[in-house]
Amino acid sequence: MLLAVDSLETLEAELAAGRLRCPSCGRPLAPWGHARERDVRTLQGVRSLRPRRALCKPCQTTRVLLPAWSVPRRRDGTEVILSALVDAARGAGHRTIARRLGRPPGTVRGWLRRARRGAGQLKHWATVSLYRFEPPDRGLDPRVPCTDAPLADAVQTLGQAIGAAVRRHGPHGDPLQWAVVLTGGLIAGRPRDPPVY
């Protein structure tokens, strides 16, 4: 489950108040300890994160709750991976991007491969989110590109959806965090849960 929060304190408050719901049954989640501590690499340095776990009693399942600056199943944060995808959509190669970000070329190549494989799904979720926040008047929407460059189309549509989310909800925290929330973590290439708003 992904959550757009400004801080882990906000996440804790939402969980304690019963406002976080299970994506499977819609019932409130309850606190259930923590996952193991991990380091997340950002553009500013390394941040330590000890994710909160939550339990859905009716489903008997647990969820790891992550702040939106942390991409599920990735050591690098949202701003790092999204920056790589934007550079790739503009035509940069994985080695160039890796040098700029200070990451191993194989790591960046893996992000880009997964993103290219999932570009259609990424664009789909970004379009769904864009239309949810700002529906088109009628007919084809000129905001949603359709070219022979699927990753570039997906990244451009995601940018439009992020802009619509910020216009609807206000500029809380880093706007790039919306990329994770609006796509259910698809910038990592392997979503498990549907987007949570």
Protein backbone atom coordinates (compact mmCIF):
# COMPACT_ATOMS: atom_id res chain seq x y z
CA MET A 1 0.00 0.00 0.00
CA LEU A 2 1.35 3.42 -0.90
CA LEU A 3 0.55 6.67 0.76
CA ALA A 4 1.31 10.29 -0.12
CA VAL A 5 2.32 11.75 3.19
CA ASP A 6 4.61 14.60 4.14
CA SER A 7 6.12 12.61 6.99
CA LEU A 8 6.04 9.30 8.81
CA GLU A 9 4.36 11.13 11.70
CA THR A 10 1.40 11.89 9.40
CA LEU A 11 1.24 8.23 8.41
CA GLU A 12 1.18 7.18 12.08
CA ALA A 13 -1.61 9.66 12.85
CA GLU A 14 -3.71 8.44 9.90
CA LEU A 15 -3.21 4.82 10.94
CA ALA A 16 -4.06 5.50 14.60
CA ALA A 17 -7.24 7.37 13.58
CA GLY A 18 -8.42 4.43 11.45
CA ARG A 19 -8.36 6.43 8.22
CA LEU A 20 -6.11 3.99 6.36
CA ARG A 21 -8.16 1.30 4.65
CA CYS A 22 -7.34 -2.16 3.34
CA PRO A 23 -7.28 -2.08 -0.47
CA SER A 24 -8.89 -5.55 -0.55
CA CYS A 25 -11.90 -5.13 1.75
CA GLY A 26 -12.01 -1.42 2.63
CA ARG A 27 -11.88 -2.00 6.40
CA PRO A 28 -9.58 0.04 8.66
CA LEU A 29 -6.00 -1.11 9.08
CA ALA A 30 -4.50 -1.48 12.56
CA PRO A 31 -0.86 -0.94 13.60
CA TRP A 32 1.16 -4.18 13.48
CA GLY A 33 4.79 -3.47 14.30
CA HIS A 34 7.44 -2.45 11.81
CA ALA A 35 9.28 -3.95 8.87
CA ARG A 36 13.07 -4.12 8.92
CA GLU A 37 14.97 -0.86 8.75
CA ARG A 38 16.42 0.06 5.37
CA ASP A 39 18.44 2.79 3.77
CA VAL A 40 16.94 4.66 0.82
CA ARG A 41 19.27 6.59 -1.48
CA THR A 42 17.99 10.01 -2.52
CA LEU A 43 19.55 12.80 -4.56
CA GLN A 44 20.55 14.51 -1.28
CA GLY A 45 22.05 11.42 0.36
CA VAL A 46 20.88 8.34 2.27
CA ARG A 47 17.70 8.36 4.36
CA SER A 48 16.96 5.71 6.93
CA LEU A 49 13.47 4.22 6.88
CA ARG A 50 11.77 1.76 9.20
CA PRO A 51 8.41 1.13 7.50
CA ARG A 52 5.27 0.65 9.54
CA ARG A 53 3.35 -2.59 9.14
CA ALA A 54 -0.44 -2.66 9.35
CA LEU A 55 -2.90 -5.50 9.80
CA CYS A 56 -6.31 -5.96 8.22
CA LYS A 57 -8.09 -8.14 10.77
CA PRO A 58 -10.98 -9.28 8.50
CA CYS A 59 -8.59 -10.30 5.68
CA GLN A 60 -5.87 -11.52 8.07
CA THR A 61 -3.24 -9.86 5.88
CA THR A 62 -0.50 -7.41 6.70
CA ARG A 63 0.72 -4.47 4.63
CA VAL A 64 3.93 -2.50 4.68
CA LEU A 65 3.12 1.21 4.61
CA LEU A 66 5.68 3.33 2.81
CA PRO A 67 5.93 7.07 2.46
CA ALA A 68 5.69 8.08 -1.19
CA TRP A 69 9.34 9.20 -1.34
CA SER A 70 10.29 5.52 -1.09
CA VAL A 71 9.68 3.30 -4.13
CA PRO A 72 8.48 -0.23 -3.28
CA ARG A 73 11.20 -2.89 -3.54
CA ARG A 74 13.86 -0.36 -4.59
CA ARG A 75 16.89 0.98 -2.75
CA ASP A 76 16.64 4.34 -4.51
CA GLY A 77 13.95 6.90 -3.80
CA THR A 78 11.23 8.31 -6.01
CA GLU A 79 13.14 11.39 -7.16
CA VAL A 80 16.13 9.30 -8.27
CA ILE A 81 14.21 6.75 -10.34
CA LEU A 82 11.82 9.29 -11.80
CA SER A 83 14.77 11.50 -12.76
CA ALA A 84 16.27 8.54 -14.64
CA LEU A 85 12.98 7.88 -16.47
CA VAL A 86 12.67 11.53 -17.50
CA ASP A 87 16.24 11.52 -18.83
CA ALA A 88 15.59 8.29 -20.75
CA ALA A 89 12.36 9.72 -22.21
CA ARG A 90 14.46 12.63 -23.48
CA GLY A 91 16.84 10.22 -25.20
CA ALA A 92 19.70 9.77 -22.69
CA GLY A 93 21.32 6.34 -22.41
CA HIS A 94 21.64 4.33 -19.22
CA ARG A 95 25.39 4.98 -18.85
CA THR A 96 24.93 8.74 -19.12
CA ILE A 97 22.10 8.65 -16.60
CA ALA A 98 24.11 6.41 -14.25
CA ARG A 99 27.05 8.84 -14.29
CA ARG A 100 24.79 11.81 -13.59
CA LEU A 101 23.04 10.05 -10.68
CA GLY A 102 26.13 8.31 -9.31
CA ARG A 103 24.54 4.86 -9.61
CA PRO A 104 25.86 1.63 -11.19
CA PRO A 105 25.02 1.39 -14.92
CA GLY A 106 23.44 -2.05 -14.41
CA THR A 107 21.03 -0.65 -11.81
CA VAL A 108 19.91 2.16 -14.11
CA ARG A 109 19.67 -0.22 -17.08
CA GLY A 110 17.36 -2.44 -14.98
CA TRP A 111 15.09 0.50 -14.09
CA LEU A 112 14.83 1.52 -17.73
CA ARG A 113 14.15 -2.02 -18.99
CA ARG A 114 11.34 -2.51 -16.49
CA ALA A 115 9.94 0.93 -17.26
CA ARG A 116 9.97 0.28 -21.00
CA ARG A 117 8.28 -3.10 -20.53
CA GLY A 118 5.63 -1.51 -18.31
CA ALA A 119 5.28 1.77 -20.25
CA GLY A 120 1.76 0.89 -21.44
CA GLN A 121 0.57 0.12 -17.93
CA LEU A 122 2.34 3.20 -16.55
CA LYS A 123 0.60 5.38 -19.14
CA HIS A 124 -2.73 3.70 -18.39
CA TRP A 125 -2.57 4.46 -14.64
CA ALA A 126 -1.31 7.97 -15.29
CA THR A 127 -4.20 8.59 -17.72
CA VAL A 128 -6.75 7.18 -15.26
CA SER A 129 -5.37 9.49 -12.57
CA LEU A 130 -5.31 12.50 -14.91
CA TYR A 131 -8.94 11.94 -15.90
CA ARG A 132 -9.96 11.42 -12.28
CA PHE A 133 -8.56 14.82 -11.28
CA GLU A 134 -9.27 16.74 -14.51
CA PRO A 135 -11.73 15.02 -16.89
CA PRO A 136 -11.48 15.99 -20.56
CA ASP A 137 -14.27 18.05 -22.11
CA ARG A 138 -15.05 15.48 -24.81
CA GLY A 139 -13.37 13.47 -27.53
CA LEU A 140 -9.62 12.90 -27.68
CA ASP A 141 -7.61 14.59 -24.98
CA PRO A 142 -4.62 16.46 -26.40
CA ARG A 143 -2.86 16.18 -23.03
CA VAL A 144 -2.35 12.42 -23.49
CA PRO A 145 0.33 11.80 -26.13
CA CYS A 146 0.27 8.87 -28.52
CA THR A 147 3.54 8.48 -30.39
CA ASP A 148 5.91 5.64 -31.27
CA ALA A 149 7.92 6.32 -28.08
CA PRO A 150 5.93 4.50 -25.33
CA LEU A 151 8.22 5.45 -22.42
CA ALA A 152 8.24 9.13 -23.41
CA ASP A 153 4.44 9.06 -23.73
CA ALA A 154 4.09 7.43 -20.30
CA VAL A 155 6.44 9.92 -18.64
CA GLN A 156 4.70 12.89 -20.25
CA THR A 157 1.26 11.60 -19.21
CA LEU A 158 2.54 10.98 -15.69
CA GLY A 159 3.77 14.58 -15.57
CA GLN A 160 0.31 15.76 -16.57
CA ALA A 161 -1.28 13.58 -13.87
CA ILE A 162 1.13 14.88 -11.21
CA GLY A 163 0.24 18.46 -12.21
CA ALA A 164 -3.49 17.66 -11.95
CA ALA A 165 -3.02 16.04 -8.52
CA VAL A 166 -1.10 19.04 -7.22
CA ARG A 167 -3.75 21.43 -8.58
CA ARG A 168 -6.49 19.38 -6.88
CA HIS A 169 -4.80 18.64 -3.55
CA GLY A 170 -2.31 21.47 -3.23
CA PRO A 171 1.48 21.39 -3.09
CA HIS A 172 2.00 19.11 -0.08
CA GLY A 173 5.59 17.94 0.11
CA ASP A 174 7.46 16.96 -3.03
CA PRO A 175 5.18 16.80 -6.12
CA LEU A 176 7.29 13.91 -7.48
CA GLN A 177 5.92 11.70 -4.72
CA TRP A 178 2.64 11.67 -6.60
CA ALA A 179 4.35 9.54 -9.28
CA VAL A 180 4.44 6.59 -6.89
CA VAL A 181 0.95 7.14 -5.51
CA LEU A 182 -0.82 7.69 -8.85
CA THR A 183 0.66 4.57 -10.44
CA GLY A 184 0.65 2.18 -7.51
CA GLY A 185 4.44 2.04 -7.57
CA LEU A 186 4.72 1.30 -11.26
CA ILE A 187 7.76 3.51 -11.70
CA ALA A 188 9.50 0.57 -10.04
CA GLY A 189 8.15 -1.74 -12.74
CA ARG A 190 6.40 -4.21 -10.42
CA PRO A 191 3.18 -2.91 -8.86
CA ARG A 192 1.29 -5.11 -6.47
CA ASP A 193 -1.51 -2.88 -5.29
CA PRO A 194 -3.80 -0.54 -7.22
CA PRO A 195 -3.16 3.19 -6.75
CA VAL A 196 -4.33 4.64 -3.44
CA TYR A 197 -5.30 8.34 -3.38
